[in-house]
Amino acid sequence: MNLQQLLASLTPDIYHSLKRAVELGKWPDGNRLTQAQRELCMQAVIAYEHKNLPQDTHTGYIPPEPHSFCGSDHEHEDHDKPIKWVE
């Protein structure tokens, strides 16, 4: 079984178990995850979320904020303004 087949076989229960193991740093039986295991579990969690969950529910998702400009709104209507370099 290659990595893609393994990731395709992840179920919601396995996903939740892997996510919990990463969060706690240990397996359900109490054994600690090695750094390599933690990294692989996190990669599997991210891959599962990317394939099966909406973007706003992904681990580490930060919602975009509306952009606010400095100065007044009409200053930004002219996008062809030359840049003034300060020396």
PDB file of N, CA and C in Angstrom:
ATOM      1  N   MET A   1       0.856  -1.178   0.000  1.00  0.00           N
ATOM      2  CA  MET A   1       0.000   0.000   0.000  1.00  0.00           C
ATOM      3  C   MET A   1       0.899   1.237   0.000  1.00  0.00           C
ATOM      4  N   ASN A   2       0.662   2.141  -0.948  1.00  0.00           N
ATOM      5  CA  ASN A   2       1.452   3.361  -0.980  1.00  0.00           C
ATOM      6  C   ASN A   2       0.758   4.462  -0.161  1.00  0.00           C
ATOM      7  N   LEU A   3       1.408   5.600  -0.064  1.00  0.00           N
ATOM      8  CA  LEU A   3       0.895   6.686   0.765  1.00  0.00           C
ATOM      9  C   LEU A   3      -0.469   7.176   0.284  1.00  0.00           C
ATOM     10  N   GLN A   4      -0.649   7.301  -1.017  1.00  0.00           N
ATOM     11  CA  GLN A   4      -1.930   7.781  -1.547  1.00  0.00           C
ATOM     12  C   GLN A   4      -3.064   6.813  -1.221  1.00  0.00           C
ATOM     13  N   GLN A   5      -2.809   5.536  -1.305  1.00  0.00           N
ATOM     14  CA  GLN A   5      -3.820   4.542  -0.955  1.00  0.00           C
ATOM     15  C   GLN A   5      -4.139   4.608   0.537  1.00  0.00           C
ATOM     16  N   LEU A   6      -3.115   4.790   1.334  1.00  0.00           N
ATOM     17  CA  LEU A   6      -3.312   4.899   2.772  1.00  0.00           C
ATOM     18  C   LEU A   6      -4.168   6.117   3.111  1.00  0.00           C
ATOM     19  N   LEU A   7      -3.843   7.263   2.524  1.00  0.00           N
ATOM     20  CA  LEU A   7      -4.617   8.478   2.789  1.00  0.00           C
ATOM     21  C   LEU A   7      -6.057   8.347   2.299  1.00  0.00           C
ATOM     22  N   ALA A   8      -6.250   7.650   1.168  1.00  0.00           N
ATOM     23  CA  ALA A   8      -7.598   7.455   0.636  1.00  0.00           C
ATOM     24  C   ALA A   8      -8.428   6.550   1.542  1.00  0.00           C
ATOM     25  N   SER A   9      -7.773   5.712   2.330  1.00  0.00           N
ATOM     26  CA  SER A   9      -8.501   4.777   3.185  1.00  0.00           C
ATOM     27  C   SER A   9      -8.831   5.355   4.569  1.00  0.00           C
ATOM     28  N   LEU A  10      -8.425   6.595   4.836  1.00  0.00           N
ATOM     29  CA  LEU A  10      -8.718   7.195   6.141  1.00  0.00           C
ATOM     30  C   LEU A  10     -10.221   7.389   6.312  1.00  0.00           C
ATOM     31  N   THR A  11     -10.715   6.982   7.451  1.00  0.00           N
ATOM     32  CA  THR A  11     -12.129   7.172   7.786  1.00  0.00           C
ATOM     33  C   THR A  11     -12.233   8.348   8.752  1.00  0.00           C
ATOM     34  N   PRO A  12     -13.437   8.883   8.958  1.00  0.00           N
ATOM     35  CA  PRO A  12     -13.590   9.960   9.944  1.00  0.00           C
ATOM     36  C   PRO A  12     -13.093   9.558  11.334  1.00  0.00           C
ATOM     37  N   ASP A  13     -13.317   8.301  11.740  1.00  0.00           N
ATOM     38  CA  ASP A  13     -12.844   7.854  13.054  1.00  0.00           C
ATOM     39  C   ASP A  13     -11.321   7.858  13.141  1.00  0.00           C
ATOM     40  N   ILE A  14     -10.663   7.377  12.084  1.00  0.00           N
ATOM     41  CA  ILE A  14      -9.201   7.371  12.074  1.00  0.00           C
ATOM     42  C   ILE A  14      -8.683   8.805  12.069  1.00  0.00           C
ATOM     43  N   TYR A  15      -9.319   9.673  11.279  1.00  0.00           N
ATOM     44  CA  TYR A  15      -8.938  11.088  11.238  1.00  0.00           C
ATOM     45  C   TYR A  15      -9.000  11.702  12.636  1.00  0.00           C
ATOM     46  N   HIS A  16     -10.107  11.497  13.335  1.00  0.00           N
ATOM     47  CA  HIS A  16     -10.261  12.071  14.674  1.00  0.00           C
ATOM     48  C   HIS A  16      -9.229  11.486  15.650  1.00  0.00           C
ATOM     49  N   SER A  17      -8.941  10.209  15.501  1.00  0.00           N
ATOM     50  CA  SER A  17      -7.943   9.574  16.361  1.00  0.00           C
ATOM     51  C   SER A  17      -6.551  10.153  16.110  1.00  0.00           C
ATOM     52  N   LEU A  18      -6.184  10.339  14.834  1.00  0.00           N
ATOM     53  CA  LEU A  18      -4.885  10.915  14.500  1.00  0.00           C
ATOM     54  C   LEU A  18      -4.781  12.364  14.969  1.00  0.00           C
ATOM     55  N   LYS A  19      -5.869  13.105  14.787  1.00  0.00           N
ATOM     56  CA  LYS A  19      -5.875  14.501  15.212  1.00  0.00           C
ATOM     57  C   LYS A  19      -5.709  14.605  16.730  1.00  0.00           C
ATOM     58  N   ARG A  20      -6.393  13.749  17.442  1.00  0.00           N
ATOM     59  CA  ARG A  20      -6.288  13.731  18.913  1.00  0.00           C
ATOM     60  C   ARG A  20      -4.875  13.342  19.344  1.00  0.00           C
ATOM     61  N   ALA A  21      -4.272  12.386  18.667  1.00  0.00           N
ATOM     62  CA  ALA A  21      -2.908  11.965  18.996  1.00  0.00           C
ATOM     63  C   ALA A  21      -1.925  13.122  18.801  1.00  0.00           C
ATOM     64  N   VAL A  22      -2.102  13.894  17.720  1.00  0.00           N
ATOM     65  CA  VAL A  22      -1.235  15.042  17.478  1.00  0.00           C
ATOM     66  C   VAL A  22      -1.439  16.089  18.567  1.00  0.00           C
ATOM     67  N   GLU A  23      -2.696  16.340  18.924  1.00  0.00           N
ATOM     68  CA  GLU A  23      -3.004  17.343  19.949  1.00  0.00           C
ATOM     69  C   GLU A  23      -2.387  16.987  21.298  1.00  0.00           C
ATOM     70  N   LEU A  24      -2.497  15.721  21.686  1.00  0.00           N
ATOM     71  CA  LEU A  24      -2.027  15.291  22.998  1.00  0.00           C
ATOM     72  C   LEU A  24      -0.567  14.857  23.013  1.00  0.00           C
ATOM     73  N   GLY A  25      -0.052  14.489  21.830  1.00  0.00           N
ATOM     74  CA  GLY A  25       1.324  13.997  21.764  1.00  0.00           C
ATOM     75  C   GLY A  25       1.463  12.556  22.199  1.00  0.00           C
ATOM     76  N   LYS A  26       0.334  11.835  22.255  1.00  0.00           N
ATOM     77  CA  LYS A  26       0.402  10.418  22.626  1.00  0.00           C
ATOM     78  C   LYS A  26      -0.749   9.654  21.968  1.00  0.00           C
ATOM     79  N   TRP A  27      -0.532   8.355  21.848  1.00  0.00           N
ATOM     80  CA  TRP A  27      -1.531   7.464  21.280  1.00  0.00           C
ATOM     81  C   TRP A  27      -2.619   7.194  22.318  1.00  0.00           C
ATOM     82  N   PRO A  28      -3.771   6.662  21.896  1.00  0.00           N
ATOM     83  CA  PRO A  28      -4.838   6.356  22.862  1.00  0.00           C
ATOM     84  C   PRO A  28      -4.399   5.415  23.990  1.00  0.00           C
ATOM     85  N   ASP A  29      -3.377   4.564  23.728  1.00  0.00           N
ATOM     86  CA  ASP A  29      -2.898   3.649  24.784  1.00  0.00           C
ATOM     87  C   ASP A  29      -1.928   4.325  25.759  1.00  0.00           C
ATOM     88  N   GLY A  30      -1.636   5.605  25.535  1.00  0.00           N
ATOM     89  CA  GLY A  30      -0.774   6.349  26.442  1.00  0.00           C
ATOM     90  C   GLY A  30       0.669   6.471  26.002  1.00  0.00           C
ATOM     91  N   ASN A  31       1.097   5.707  25.000  1.00  0.00           N
ATOM     92  CA  ASN A  31       2.469   5.810  24.503  1.00  0.00           C
ATOM     93  C   ASN A  31       2.669   7.130  23.772  1.00  0.00           C
ATOM     94  N   ARG A  32       3.825   7.749  24.017  1.00  0.00           N
ATOM     95  CA  ARG A  32       4.115   9.038  23.390  1.00  0.00           C
ATOM     96  C   ARG A  32       4.443   8.862  21.907  1.00  0.00           C
ATOM     97  N   LEU A  33       4.032   9.838  21.101  1.00  0.00           N
ATOM     98  CA  LEU A  33       4.389   9.855  19.693  1.00  0.00           C
ATOM     99  C   LEU A  33       5.825  10.313  19.561  1.00  0.00           C
ATOM    100  N   THR A  34       6.546   9.688  18.640  1.00  0.00           N
ATOM    101  CA  THR A  34       7.870  10.205  18.310  1.00  0.00           C
ATOM    102  C   THR A  34       7.663  11.438  17.424  1.00  0.00           C
ATOM    103  N   GLN A  35       8.709  12.207  17.226  1.00  0.00           N
ATOM    104  CA  GLN A  35       8.612  13.387  16.363  1.00  0.00           C
ATOM    105  C   GLN A  35       8.204  12.976  14.951  1.00  0.00           C
ATOM    106  N   ALA A  36       8.762  11.894  14.452  1.00  0.00           N
ATOM    107  CA  ALA A  36       8.431  11.411  13.109  1.00  0.00           C
ATOM    108  C   ALA A  36       6.969  10.988  13.022  1.00  0.00           C
ATOM    109  N   GLN A  37       6.471  10.286  14.053  1.00  0.00           N
ATOM    110  CA  GLN A  37       5.064   9.882  14.065  1.00  0.00           C
ATOM    111  C   GLN A  37       4.143  11.102  14.099  1.00  0.00           C
ATOM    112  N   ARG A  38       4.517  12.079  14.902  1.00  0.00           N
ATOM    113  CA  ARG A  38       3.701  13.292  15.004  1.00  0.00           C
ATOM    114  C   ARG A  38       3.629  14.008  13.655  1.00  0.00           C
ATOM    115  N   GLU A  39       4.765  14.105  12.969  1.00  0.00           N
ATOM    116  CA  GLU A  39       4.800  14.757  11.661  1.00  0.00           C
ATOM    117  C   GLU A  39       3.949  14.003  10.642  1.00  0.00           C
ATOM    118  N   LEU A  40       4.066  12.674  10.615  1.00  0.00           N
ATOM    119  CA  LEU A  40       3.269  11.878   9.675  1.00  0.00           C
ATOM    120  C   LEU A  40       1.779  11.973   9.973  1.00  0.00           C
ATOM    121  N   CYS A  41       1.428  11.938  11.256  1.00  0.00           N
ATOM    122  CA  CYS A  41       0.017  12.061  11.643  1.00  0.00           C
ATOM    123  C   CYS A  41      -0.542  13.417  11.217  1.00  0.00           C
ATOM    124  N   MET A  42       0.239  14.472  11.427  1.00  0.00           N
ATOM    125  CA  MET A  42      -0.205  15.804  11.045  1.00  0.00           C
ATOM    126  C   MET A  42      -0.381  15.911   9.539  1.00  0.00           C
ATOM    127  N   GLN A  43       0.537  15.315   8.786  1.00  0.00           N
ATOM    128  CA  GLN A  43       0.404  15.308   7.329  1.00  0.00           C
ATOM    129  C   GLN A  43      -0.861  14.579   6.903  1.00  0.00           C
ATOM    130  N   ALA A  44      -1.164  13.464   7.566  1.00  0.00           N
ATOM    131  CA  ALA A  44      -2.376  12.711   7.244  1.00  0.00           C
ATOM    132  C   ALA A  44      -3.621  13.517   7.594  1.00  0.00           C
ATOM    133  N   VAL A  45      -3.600  14.204   8.722  1.00  0.00           N
ATOM    134  CA  VAL A  45      -4.736  15.037   9.135  1.00  0.00           C
ATOM    135  C   VAL A  45      -4.970  16.141   8.107  1.00  0.00           C
ATOM    136  N   ILE A  46      -3.911  16.818   7.710  1.00  0.00           N
ATOM    137  CA  ILE A  46      -4.036  17.905   6.728  1.00  0.00           C
ATOM    138  C   ILE A  46      -4.544  17.373   5.398  1.00  0.00           C
ATOM    139  N   ALA A  47      -4.020  16.239   4.948  1.00  0.00           N
ATOM    140  CA  ALA A  47      -4.462  15.647   3.677  1.00  0.00           C
ATOM    141  C   ALA A  47      -5.939  15.262   3.741  1.00  0.00           C
ATOM    142  N   TYR A  48      -6.360  14.681   4.860  1.00  0.00           N
ATOM    143  CA  TYR A  48      -7.768  14.295   5.024  1.00  0.00           C
ATOM    144  C   TYR A  48      -8.663  15.533   4.992  1.00  0.00           C
ATOM    145  N   GLU A  49      -8.267  16.574   5.723  1.00  0.00           N
ATOM    146  CA  GLU A  49      -9.073  17.791   5.759  1.00  0.00           C
ATOM    147  C   GLU A  49      -9.174  18.424   4.378  1.00  0.00           C
ATOM    148  N   HIS A  50      -8.054  18.445   3.656  1.00  0.00           N
ATOM    149  CA  HIS A  50      -8.039  19.042   2.323  1.00  0.00           C
ATOM    150  C   HIS A  50      -9.000  18.318   1.378  1.00  0.00           C
ATOM    151  N   LYS A  51      -9.048  17.015   1.513  1.00  0.00           N
ATOM    152  CA  LYS A  51      -9.885  16.205   0.613  1.00  0.00           C
ATOM    153  C   LYS A  51     -11.354  16.163   1.036  1.00  0.00           C
ATOM    154  N   ASN A  52     -11.630  16.200   2.352  1.00  0.00           N
ATOM    155  CA  ASN A  52     -12.978  15.879   2.820  1.00  0.00           C
ATOM    156  C   ASN A  52     -13.732  16.986   3.562  1.00  0.00           C
ATOM    157  N   LEU A  53     -13.069  18.044   3.954  1.00  0.00           N
ATOM    158  CA  LEU A  53     -13.727  19.041   4.791  1.00  0.00           C
ATOM    159  C   LEU A  53     -13.713  20.418   4.141  1.00  0.00           C
ATOM    160  N   PRO A  54     -14.688  21.270   4.467  1.00  0.00           N
ATOM    161  CA  PRO A  54     -14.667  22.642   3.960  1.00  0.00           C
ATOM    162  C   PRO A  54     -13.440  23.390   4.478  1.00  0.00           C
ATOM    163  N   GLN A  55     -12.958  24.325   3.694  1.00  0.00           N
ATOM    164  CA  GLN A  55     -11.721  25.029   4.030  1.00  0.00           C
ATOM    165  C   GLN A  55     -11.780  25.704   5.401  1.00  0.00           C
ATOM    166  N   ASP A  56     -12.920  26.249   5.758  1.00  0.00           N
ATOM    167  CA  ASP A  56     -12.994  26.984   7.026  1.00  0.00           C
ATOM    168  C   ASP A  56     -12.986  26.073   8.253  1.00  0.00           C
ATOM    169  N   THR A  57     -12.953  24.747   8.059  1.00  0.00           N
ATOM    170  CA  THR A  57     -12.851  23.826   9.186  1.00  0.00           C
ATOM    171  C   THR A  57     -11.476  23.162   9.264  1.00  0.00           C
ATOM    172  N   HIS A  58     -10.561  23.535   8.364  1.00  0.00           N
ATOM    173  CA  HIS A  58      -9.216  22.958   8.370  1.00  0.00           C
ATOM    174  C   HIS A  58      -8.442  23.401   9.596  1.00  0.00           C
ATOM    175  N   THR A  59      -7.539  22.549  10.048  1.00  0.00           N
ATOM    176  CA  THR A  59      -6.651  22.877  11.157  1.00  0.00           C
ATOM    177  C   THR A  59      -5.811  24.090  10.781  1.00  0.00           C
ATOM    178  N   GLY A  60      -5.784  25.077  11.668  1.00  0.00           N
ATOM    179  CA  GLY A  60      -4.969  26.262  11.437  1.00  0.00           C
ATOM    180  C   GLY A  60      -5.603  27.299  10.538  1.00  0.00           C
ATOM    181  N   TYR A  61      -6.865  27.107  10.135  1.00  0.00           N
ATOM    182  CA  TYR A  61      -7.519  28.052   9.232  1.00  0.00           C
ATOM    183  C   TYR A  61      -7.673  29.412   9.917  1.00  0.00           C
ATOM    184  N   ILE A  62      -7.285  30.449   9.208  1.00  0.00           N
ATOM    185  CA  ILE A  62      -7.470  31.820   9.685  1.00  0.00           C
ATOM    186  C   ILE A  62      -8.362  32.513   8.661  1.00  0.00           C
ATOM    187  N   PRO A  63      -9.550  32.964   9.088  1.00  0.00           N
ATOM    188  CA  PRO A  63     -10.445  33.611   8.122  1.00  0.00           C
ATOM    189  C   PRO A  63      -9.846  34.922   7.620  1.00  0.00           C
ATOM    190  N   PRO A  64     -10.055  35.219   6.331  1.00  0.00           N
ATOM    191  CA  PRO A  64      -9.522  36.467   5.791  1.00  0.00           C
ATOM    192  C   PRO A  64     -10.244  37.665   6.404  1.00  0.00           C
ATOM    193  N   GLU A  65      -9.500  38.737   6.581  1.00  0.00           N
ATOM    194  CA  GLU A  65     -10.088  39.965   7.095  1.00  0.00           C
ATOM    195  C   GLU A  65     -10.196  40.958   5.950  1.00  0.00           C
ATOM    196  N   PRO A  66     -11.217  41.818   6.005  1.00  0.00           N
ATOM    197  CA  PRO A  66     -11.307  42.834   4.955  1.00  0.00           C
ATOM    198  C   PRO A  66     -10.083  43.748   5.002  1.00  0.00           C
ATOM    199  N   HIS A  67      -9.619  44.120   3.835  1.00  0.00           N
ATOM    200  CA  HIS A  67      -8.434  44.965   3.760  1.00  0.00           C
ATOM    201  C   HIS A  67      -8.819  46.406   4.055  1.00  0.00           C
ATOM    202  N   SER A  68      -8.021  47.057   4.857  1.00  0.00           N
ATOM    203  CA  SER A  68      -8.248  48.481   5.109  1.00  0.00           C
ATOM    204  C   SER A  68      -7.025  49.248   4.629  1.00  0.00           C
ATOM    205  N   PHE A  69      -7.287  50.325   3.886  1.00  0.00           N
ATOM    206  CA  PHE A  69      -6.216  51.138   3.344  1.00  0.00           C
ATOM    207  C   PHE A  69      -5.861  52.252   4.316  1.00  0.00           C
ATOM    208  N   CYS A  70      -4.662  52.730   4.220  1.00  0.00           N
ATOM    209  CA  CYS A  70      -4.276  53.918   4.966  1.00  0.00           C
ATOM    210  C   CYS A  70      -4.774  55.129   4.184  1.00  0.00           C
ATOM    211  N   GLY A  71      -5.209  56.134   4.861  1.00  0.00           N
ATOM    212  CA  GLY A  71      -5.684  57.331   4.185  1.00  0.00           C
ATOM    213  C   GLY A  71      -7.134  57.205   3.786  1.00  0.00           C
ATOM    214  N   SER A  72      -7.599  58.091   2.940  1.00  0.00           N
ATOM    215  CA  SER A  72      -9.003  58.092   2.542  1.00  0.00           C
ATOM    216  C   SER A  72      -9.230  57.129   1.377  1.00  0.00           C
ATOM    217  N   ASP A  73     -10.485  56.753   1.186  1.00  0.00           N
ATOM    218  CA  ASP A  73     -10.825  55.787   0.133  1.00  0.00           C
ATOM    219  C   ASP A  73     -10.553  56.320  -1.259  1.00  0.00           C
ATOM    220  N   HIS A  74     -10.785  57.611  -1.495  1.00  0.00           N
ATOM    221  CA  HIS A  74     -10.612  58.134  -2.849  1.00  0.00           C
ATOM    222  C   HIS A  74      -9.153  58.188  -3.286  1.00  0.00           C
ATOM    223  N   GLU A  75      -8.216  58.131  -2.353  1.00  0.00           N
ATOM    224  CA  GLU A  75      -6.796  58.108  -2.711  1.00  0.00           C
ATOM    225  C   GLU A  75      -6.433  56.845  -3.482  1.00  0.00           C
ATOM    226  N   HIS A  76      -7.173  55.771  -3.286  1.00  0.00           N
ATOM    227  CA  HIS A  76      -6.823  54.480  -3.870  1.00  0.00           C
ATOM    228  C   HIS A  76      -7.581  54.172  -5.150  1.00  0.00           C
ATOM    229  N   GLU A  77      -8.353  55.141  -5.641  1.00  0.00           N
ATOM    230  CA  GLU A  77      -9.080  54.929  -6.886  1.00  0.00           C
ATOM    231  C   GLU A  77      -8.143  54.990  -8.080  1.00  0.00           C
ATOM    232  N   ASP A  78      -7.096  55.802  -7.997  1.00  0.00           N
ATOM    233  CA  ASP A  78      -6.142  55.960  -9.084  1.00  0.00           C
ATOM    234  C   ASP A  78      -4.991  54.983  -8.868  1.00  0.00           C
ATOM    235  N   HIS A  79      -5.057  53.836  -9.542  1.00  0.00           N
ATOM    236  CA  HIS A  79      -4.047  52.799  -9.344  1.00  0.00           C
ATOM    237  C   HIS A  79      -2.781  53.040 -10.163  1.00  0.00           C
ATOM    238  N   ASP A  80      -2.819  54.020 -11.088  1.00  0.00           N
ATOM    239  CA  ASP A  80      -1.666  54.281 -11.939  1.00  0.00           C
ATOM    240  C   ASP A  80      -0.781  55.392 -11.393  1.00  0.00           C
ATOM    241  N   LYS A  81      -0.974  55.771 -10.143  1.00  0.00           N
ATOM    242  CA  LYS A  81      -0.155  56.808  -9.525  1.00  0.00           C
ATOM    243  C   LYS A  81       1.289  56.337  -9.454  1.00  0.00           C
ATOM    244  N   PRO A  82       2.228  57.201  -9.771  1.00  0.00           N
ATOM    245  CA  PRO A  82       3.622  56.778  -9.622  1.00  0.00           C
ATOM    246  C   PRO A  82       3.997  56.668  -8.147  1.00  0.00           C
ATOM    247  N   ILE A  83       4.941  55.823  -7.874  1.00  0.00           N
ATOM    248  CA  ILE A  83       5.423  55.641  -6.502  1.00  0.00           C
ATOM    249  C   ILE A  83       6.402  56.765  -6.188  1.00  0.00           C
ATOM    250  N   LYS A  84       6.240  57.367  -5.017  1.00  0.00           N
ATOM    251  CA  LYS A  84       7.174  58.406  -4.576  1.00  0.00           C
ATOM    252  C   LYS A  84       8.179  57.768  -3.631  1.00  0.00           C
ATOM    253  N   TRP A  85       9.415  57.753  -4.047  1.00  0.00           N
ATOM    254  CA  TRP A  85      10.482  57.168  -3.230  1.00  0.00           C
ATOM    255  C   TRP A  85      11.043  58.229  -2.296  1.00  0.00           C
ATOM    256  N   VAL A  86      11.215  57.884  -1.038  1.00  0.00           N
ATOM    257  CA  VAL A  86      11.784  58.791  -0.062  1.00  0.00           C
ATOM    258  C   VAL A  86      13.227  58.386   0.183  1.00  0.00           C
ATOM    259  N   GLU A  87      14.098  59.378   0.131  1.00  0.00           N
ATOM    260  CA  GLU A  87      15.519  59.068   0.325  1.00  0.00           C
ATOM    261  C   GLU A  87      15.972  59.474   1.708  1.00  0.00           C
TER     262      GLU A  87
END
